Every structure is written in structure tokens, then in C-alpha cells.
Amino acid sequence: MSVNSIQDTHNPQSDKQHVLVFGAGAVGCLLGGLLRAAGHEVAFVGRKPIVDALKNHGMQITGLWGEVNVPRISNAVELVSDLTPASPLNLILITTKTYATMDAIQACMPLVRENTRVCSIQNGVGNLETIAEHVGWPNTLGARIITGVEIDVSTPGSPAQVRVTVHGDAIRFGHPQNLFPMDELESIALMWKAAGIPVEATSDLLKYIWAKVFYNAALNPLGAILGVCYGRLAEQSGTRNTMDRIIHEAFAATHAHDIEHFWPDASSYLKAFYGDMIPKTAGHFPSMLRDIEQGRRTEIGALNAAIVRLGDEKGIDVSTNRCIVEMLEFLEQTKSRAAS
């Protein structure tokens, strides 16, 4: 067995799970690190700087979810092909950017067995469909997370520093079509809770996902364009008006497609948005801003661009969302050329 193998320490009498985190960035390391610290076998696939830190020094988790030190992780690699699982994987967590979902699930397929569940913990829409094309809907799970996490591997000789900066709500975990037994969902949720991860199983997964799409579509692009945190966007009438229009268009487009929500209309959502959601995350800077600053591709295609596609299909006015997409694409291209 190679040093990068997922070690076979399975005990039939224990609840130890064999988990793969594909996309070991901030969120992936947070969740995988806590599961590993709780005694589960967790392998990580990520970029070289993070993999090197995990393999040589482990990780240190701090912030709102508490402090946990995770020792060196030998089964952290850059490529799935470098892993040689000795036991079937119970769960694969996909925590990549949305535009990388297809590559992620294709890379993971050699490790997928009949009872391997694959869970998308990502932003936007379309990820679940992409995963289901490969593993089938019965084995496709999803989770909505509203937690700000940062990772720093810039200090040589130090563990990966994973910090929870803001936390809006428990992770909501479920099956998009409710084809999965709720007792099994509850069992997985209990495993996560025992590891210190705030999570609740739900039969309303898609409602939660769309609620976060609205939240991200209103805040992330404007925060990236203007270079400010969420709270600043809510302070000015001009940016509030723009966010209002983004949300009204999103509700119109999704209602035209009979997509269900927790709120009956955009006005009801906006009341919760300004009164409850933004105050919990007011100091958070969107990851989309960091993507732009570093010349990386953003997830606009699974957020505002998805709203534009739905609106266009039904002849709904989505001009504000379209303008946002065009500005983000300009910034992406400009910063990408500068970075290269």
C-alpha cells in the first residue's frame, strides 16, 4: 500500500466513515479536517500548496466553530489517481468551484462504488445535475452552506490555517428529489454533528439552494466589482436598489419556471435579506472578489448568469442581472490577462 492510500482501518463495530474531499480549499479542509479529527478516514485532493501543507504539517482550525488541530495527513494528494483506496468510499464531498464540477466528478468516478454517495457542497445551480449524470440521482446529495471560511498556507513550515470568519446558518443537507431515505440522511448529519459541524438534514434542499443563489447573486458580484464587504452594500441606497432589482428579476424568472421558494415573493425575501441575512455576515468580503484580485475565474455562470438563462427562456426582463454578468466577465478577462 502506498503512503497516499486511504488506510483500511475499518471496524465493522464502529461508525468510522471513509470520505474523500475533492477540492480541498477552505471549505473542504474545514469539513474534512473536522471529520478526520473525529476519527474518520478522510482523503484530500487539492492544489499543491495546500496538499503540501496538509501532508507535512497538518492543519489548524480556528474561528467561530472552535479550535481543532489536525496532525499531518499523508493521504492528501493533487490527483485522485495518486490514491489507492483500501476500503470503498462511503462519501465523496465535491467542494470545488462550480465551473470545475464536471472535471471533479469525472476524476472521482474510478473510486465510486454502488453505495458511494457524492455530495455537492458548492455555490450556485447546476452542480447536482452534473453529478447525477455520472452517479445517478439516488446517490447524489447536496448541501447548502452559509459560512465564511479562509485558508492560509503562506507561512513555510506551518500547518494550513483554516479560519471560520462568519456563520449565517446550519448547513442544510439533503437529496434534491427526496429519493434518499431520511433516516440515512439523519445518520450522516449525526456523524457531522459529532465532529463539530453544525448541520441539519432537510427535505427542502432545493429551496435552500435557491435561497443562497439569491443571496450570492445580490451580494457577491457587487462586492467584487466595488471591492467592499456585504454590509457596505446594504448601507447605500444605490447599491440597495441594484440588489433589489437583482432579486425581483430572480423571483420573476424562477416563478416562471415553477421553482419553489420559502418566500412567496421578492418583497418577502428582501425583508429577510436586509433584516436577518446581511447583519449576520456584514463584515464578509465575497470570495468572488478574491477570485478577481487573483485573476481567477468566478462562479458568475452558476449565479446571475443562471438567472439570465431562466429569464430569457420565458421572456422575463433580467436586464440588471445581465448587466452584472457583463461587468463581471469584463473584470475576469481584464484581471486574467494582467495576471498572465
Foldseek 3Di string as FASTA:
>chain_A
DDLQEQDPPDDPVDPAFAEEEEAPFQVSCVLQQLLVQLPHRYAYAHDDLQLVQQQQANEWEDEDLHTDGHGRDSNYYNAPVVYDYPDQHQEYEYEHEQVCLLVRLVRCLVRDDLNYAYEYAYAFDDNQVSNCVRNNQARYKYKYFDWDWHWDSPDPPYHIYIYTYFGQAAIEIEGPQNPYDVVVVVVVCVSSVSSSGRYDYDPPRQQSNVLVLLLCLLAQLVCQVVVAFRQVLVVDPVSVVLSLLQQQLLQVLVVVVVRDYPDPHSVRSVCCSVPRRCVRRVRDRHVLNVCLQQLHDHNLCRHLVVSVVSCVVVVGDSPSSVVSVVVSVVSSVVSNVVND
